[in-house]
Amino acid sequence: MTFEIRAEGVDVEEIMGAIRRRIEEKRRGLYSDEELREIAEHRLDAVLDAHEWNADFVSEFRAREGRWNFQFGPETLYRSSRGAVGQLLERARSLLRPIQKLFWNPNPMISALSRQSDLNKYYVHMLSALAAEVTRLNLELQDLKNRQLQLQGRHELLQRREKTLEDMVVYREDPGATPEGKPGA
């Protein structure tokens, strides 16, 4: 169902375009996604600083994934971190790997720990997105509170204006009215 409005001086296309632009601006919000991420990171830094955390914690956390997300592969079970002695242990483990597999199957453990590593990455991504979204919502809430205060001020101004206008009105008695307020006979 469509209809057309024809009136001089009214450009419906221009009005609809302006409405669509305002809706698009509201969708985008006050800040771009990049600005929100930056604000979210600054707010997280402020929270961490307030509780005496290392100020570079977030940047270190993101820079060194191996520190917080253990990388687990099929060879990880057989590795050692003991230097030269560890290299000997790795060789011995690789030689004994077929015998070890007779006693237990490492594949389910390797699979579970690899899956956990993927989940850790997902959680970090999800928390980062959540921090950005909470920041966006906080900023939007602040904007709405400010707008509400502005509207409240306008409302109070209009109430005072209405009261002033009511006080200025001079009521005149109708010359044909009786003292009871009913028209005379």
Protein backbone atom coordinates (compact mmCIF):
# COMPACT_ATOMS: atom_id res chain seq x y z
CA MET A 1 0.00 0.00 0.00
CA THR A 2 1.53 3.28 -1.08
CA PHE A 3 0.27 6.81 -1.19
CA GLU A 4 1.59 10.03 -2.53
CA ILE A 5 1.51 13.45 -0.91
CA ARG A 6 1.46 16.43 -3.20
CA ALA A 7 1.92 19.82 -1.65
CA GLU A 8 3.87 22.86 -2.62
CA GLY A 9 7.05 23.45 -0.67
CA VAL A 10 7.10 19.93 0.82
CA ASP A 11 9.78 17.58 -0.43
CA VAL A 12 8.86 14.17 0.97
CA GLU A 13 12.02 12.55 -0.41
CA GLU A 14 14.19 15.08 1.42
CA ILE A 15 12.27 14.62 4.68
CA MET A 16 12.47 10.82 4.44
CA GLY A 17 16.19 11.06 3.64
CA ALA A 18 16.75 13.21 6.74
CA ILE A 19 14.81 10.72 8.87
CA ARG A 20 16.84 7.81 7.49
CA ARG A 21 20.11 9.67 8.17
CA ARG A 22 19.08 10.34 11.78
CA ILE A 23 18.14 6.67 12.27
CA GLU A 24 21.50 5.59 10.84
CA GLU A 25 23.31 8.02 13.17
CA LYS A 26 21.44 6.55 16.14
CA ARG A 27 22.41 3.03 15.04
CA ARG A 28 26.05 3.99 14.84
CA GLY A 29 25.85 5.56 18.28
CA LEU A 30 28.00 8.25 19.72
CA TYR A 31 31.32 6.53 19.04
CA SER A 32 32.78 4.31 16.34
CA ASP A 33 33.71 0.70 17.12
CA GLU A 34 37.40 1.62 17.22
CA GLU A 35 36.76 4.46 19.67
CA LEU A 36 34.70 2.13 21.86
CA ARG A 37 37.50 -0.45 21.95
CA GLU A 38 39.98 2.25 22.91
CA ILE A 39 37.70 3.58 25.65
CA ALA A 40 37.07 0.05 26.93
CA GLU A 41 40.82 -0.60 27.14
CA HIS A 42 41.41 2.68 28.98
CA ARG A 43 38.64 1.90 31.43
CA LEU A 44 40.07 -1.58 32.03
CA ASP A 45 43.50 -0.03 32.60
CA ALA A 46 41.95 2.38 35.12
CA VAL A 47 40.30 -0.49 36.99
CA LEU A 48 43.53 -2.47 37.06
CA ASP A 49 45.53 0.57 38.19
CA ALA A 50 43.06 1.31 40.95
CA HIS A 51 43.67 -2.11 42.47
CA GLU A 52 47.47 -1.92 42.21
CA TRP A 53 47.79 -4.22 39.22
CA ASN A 54 50.63 -3.97 36.77
CA ALA A 55 49.72 -1.12 34.43
CA ASP A 56 51.03 -3.05 31.41
CA PHE A 57 49.05 -6.16 32.29
CA VAL A 58 46.57 -5.90 29.42
CA SER A 59 49.18 -5.21 26.75
CA GLU A 60 51.43 -8.01 28.06
CA PHE A 61 48.46 -10.35 28.26
CA ARG A 62 47.53 -9.75 24.64
CA ALA A 63 51.12 -9.72 23.37
CA ARG A 64 52.23 -13.03 24.87
CA GLU A 65 49.54 -15.61 24.21
CA GLY A 66 51.87 -18.48 25.14
CA ARG A 67 52.03 -17.15 28.68
CA TRP A 68 48.31 -17.47 29.40
CA ASN A 69 47.18 -19.96 26.78
CA PHE A 70 49.13 -23.17 26.89
CA GLN A 71 49.72 -24.45 23.36
CA PHE A 72 49.18 -28.18 23.38
CA GLY A 73 50.06 -30.42 20.46
CA PRO A 74 50.74 -34.13 19.94
CA GLU A 75 54.44 -33.69 20.79
CA THR A 76 53.87 -31.66 23.96
CA LEU A 77 53.52 -34.77 26.13
CA TYR A 78 57.01 -35.87 25.28
CA ARG A 79 58.81 -32.52 25.66
CA SER A 80 60.92 -31.45 28.60
CA SER A 81 62.05 -28.05 29.85
CA ARG A 82 65.11 -29.25 31.73
CA GLY A 83 67.82 -28.09 29.29
CA ALA A 84 70.42 -30.72 28.29
CA VAL A 85 68.95 -33.35 30.59
CA GLY A 86 65.56 -32.56 29.08
CA GLN A 87 66.84 -33.29 25.59
CA LEU A 88 67.95 -36.74 26.77
CA LEU A 89 64.52 -37.27 28.34
CA GLU A 90 62.81 -36.22 25.09
CA ARG A 91 64.85 -38.75 23.12
CA ALA A 92 64.13 -41.49 25.63
CA ARG A 93 60.41 -40.66 25.57
CA SER A 94 60.32 -40.69 21.77
CA LEU A 95 61.97 -44.12 21.78
CA LEU A 96 59.54 -45.40 24.42
CA ARG A 97 56.45 -43.79 22.83
CA PRO A 98 55.14 -47.10 21.32
CA ILE A 99 55.45 -48.81 24.70
CA GLN A 100 53.73 -45.87 26.45
CA LYS A 101 50.84 -46.11 23.99
CA LEU A 102 50.35 -49.75 25.08
CA PHE A 103 49.58 -48.62 28.63
CA TRP A 104 47.52 -45.50 27.92
CA ASN A 105 46.08 -43.56 25.00
CA PRO A 106 47.30 -39.94 25.01
CA ASN A 107 45.00 -38.84 22.14
CA PRO A 108 41.92 -37.99 24.28
CA MET A 109 44.08 -35.89 26.61
CA ILE A 110 45.81 -34.16 23.68
CA SER A 111 42.42 -33.48 22.08
CA ALA A 112 40.89 -32.13 25.33
CA LEU A 113 43.83 -29.85 26.07
CA SER A 114 43.90 -28.56 22.48
CA ARG A 115 40.19 -27.83 22.73
CA GLN A 116 40.79 -26.02 26.01
CA SER A 117 43.42 -23.85 24.31
CA ASP A 118 40.87 -22.93 21.62
CA LEU A 119 38.28 -22.18 24.30
CA ASN A 120 40.75 -19.90 26.10
CA LYS A 121 41.22 -17.87 22.91
CA TYR A 122 37.45 -17.71 22.44
CA TYR A 123 36.94 -16.53 26.04
CA VAL A 124 39.51 -13.75 25.64
CA HIS A 125 37.81 -12.61 22.43
CA MET A 126 34.39 -12.80 24.06
CA LEU A 127 35.51 -10.83 27.14
CA SER A 128 37.08 -8.17 24.95
CA ALA A 129 33.86 -7.83 22.95
CA LEU A 130 31.86 -7.78 26.19
CA ALA A 131 34.02 -4.99 27.61
CA ALA A 132 33.49 -2.94 24.44
CA GLU A 133 29.72 -3.55 24.53
CA VAL A 134 29.44 -2.64 28.23
CA THR A 135 31.42 0.52 27.54
CA ARG A 136 29.11 1.39 24.64
CA LEU A 137 26.03 0.78 26.81
CA ASN A 138 27.46 2.86 29.67
CA LEU A 139 28.14 5.75 27.31
CA GLU A 140 24.67 5.44 25.81
CA LEU A 141 23.15 5.33 29.30
CA GLN A 142 25.06 8.47 30.25
CA ASP A 143 23.79 10.19 27.10
CA LEU A 144 20.22 9.13 27.86
CA LYS A 145 20.53 10.41 31.43
CA ASN A 146 21.75 13.77 30.12
CA ARG A 147 18.87 13.93 27.65
CA GLN A 148 16.43 13.03 30.42
CA LEU A 149 17.80 15.86 32.57
CA GLN A 150 17.42 18.27 29.66
CA LEU A 151 13.83 17.15 29.09
CA GLN A 152 13.11 17.42 32.81
CA GLY A 153 14.45 20.99 32.78
CA ARG A 154 12.29 21.85 29.77
CA HIS A 155 9.28 20.30 31.45
CA GLU A 156 9.82 22.34 34.62
CA LEU A 157 10.26 25.48 32.53
CA LEU A 158 7.00 24.78 30.71
CA GLN A 159 5.22 24.15 34.02
CA ARG A 160 6.46 27.49 35.39
CA ARG A 161 5.41 29.20 32.18
CA GLU A 162 1.97 27.60 32.35
CA LYS A 163 1.59 28.67 36.00
CA THR A 164 2.66 32.23 35.11
CA LEU A 165 0.18 32.36 32.23
CA GLU A 166 -2.59 31.03 34.46
CA ASP A 167 -1.82 33.70 37.04
CA MET A 168 -1.88 36.39 34.34
CA VAL A 169 -5.33 35.42 33.08
CA VAL A 170 -7.98 37.87 34.30
CA TYR A 171 -11.33 36.26 34.73
CA ARG A 172 -14.20 38.57 33.80
CA GLU A 173 -17.68 38.04 34.95
CA ASP A 174 -20.24 37.44 32.24
CA PRO A 175 -22.67 40.40 32.35
CA GLY A 176 -25.62 38.06 31.82
CA ALA A 177 -24.62 35.63 34.57
CA THR A 178 -26.26 35.42 37.96
CA PRO A 179 -24.20 35.32 41.15
CA GLU A 180 -24.46 31.52 41.19
CA GLY A 181 -22.73 31.41 37.83
CA LYS A 182 -25.86 30.46 35.89
CA PRO A 183 -27.09 32.58 33.01
CA GLY A 184 -30.00 34.84 33.93
CA ALA A 185 -33.54 34.19 32.84
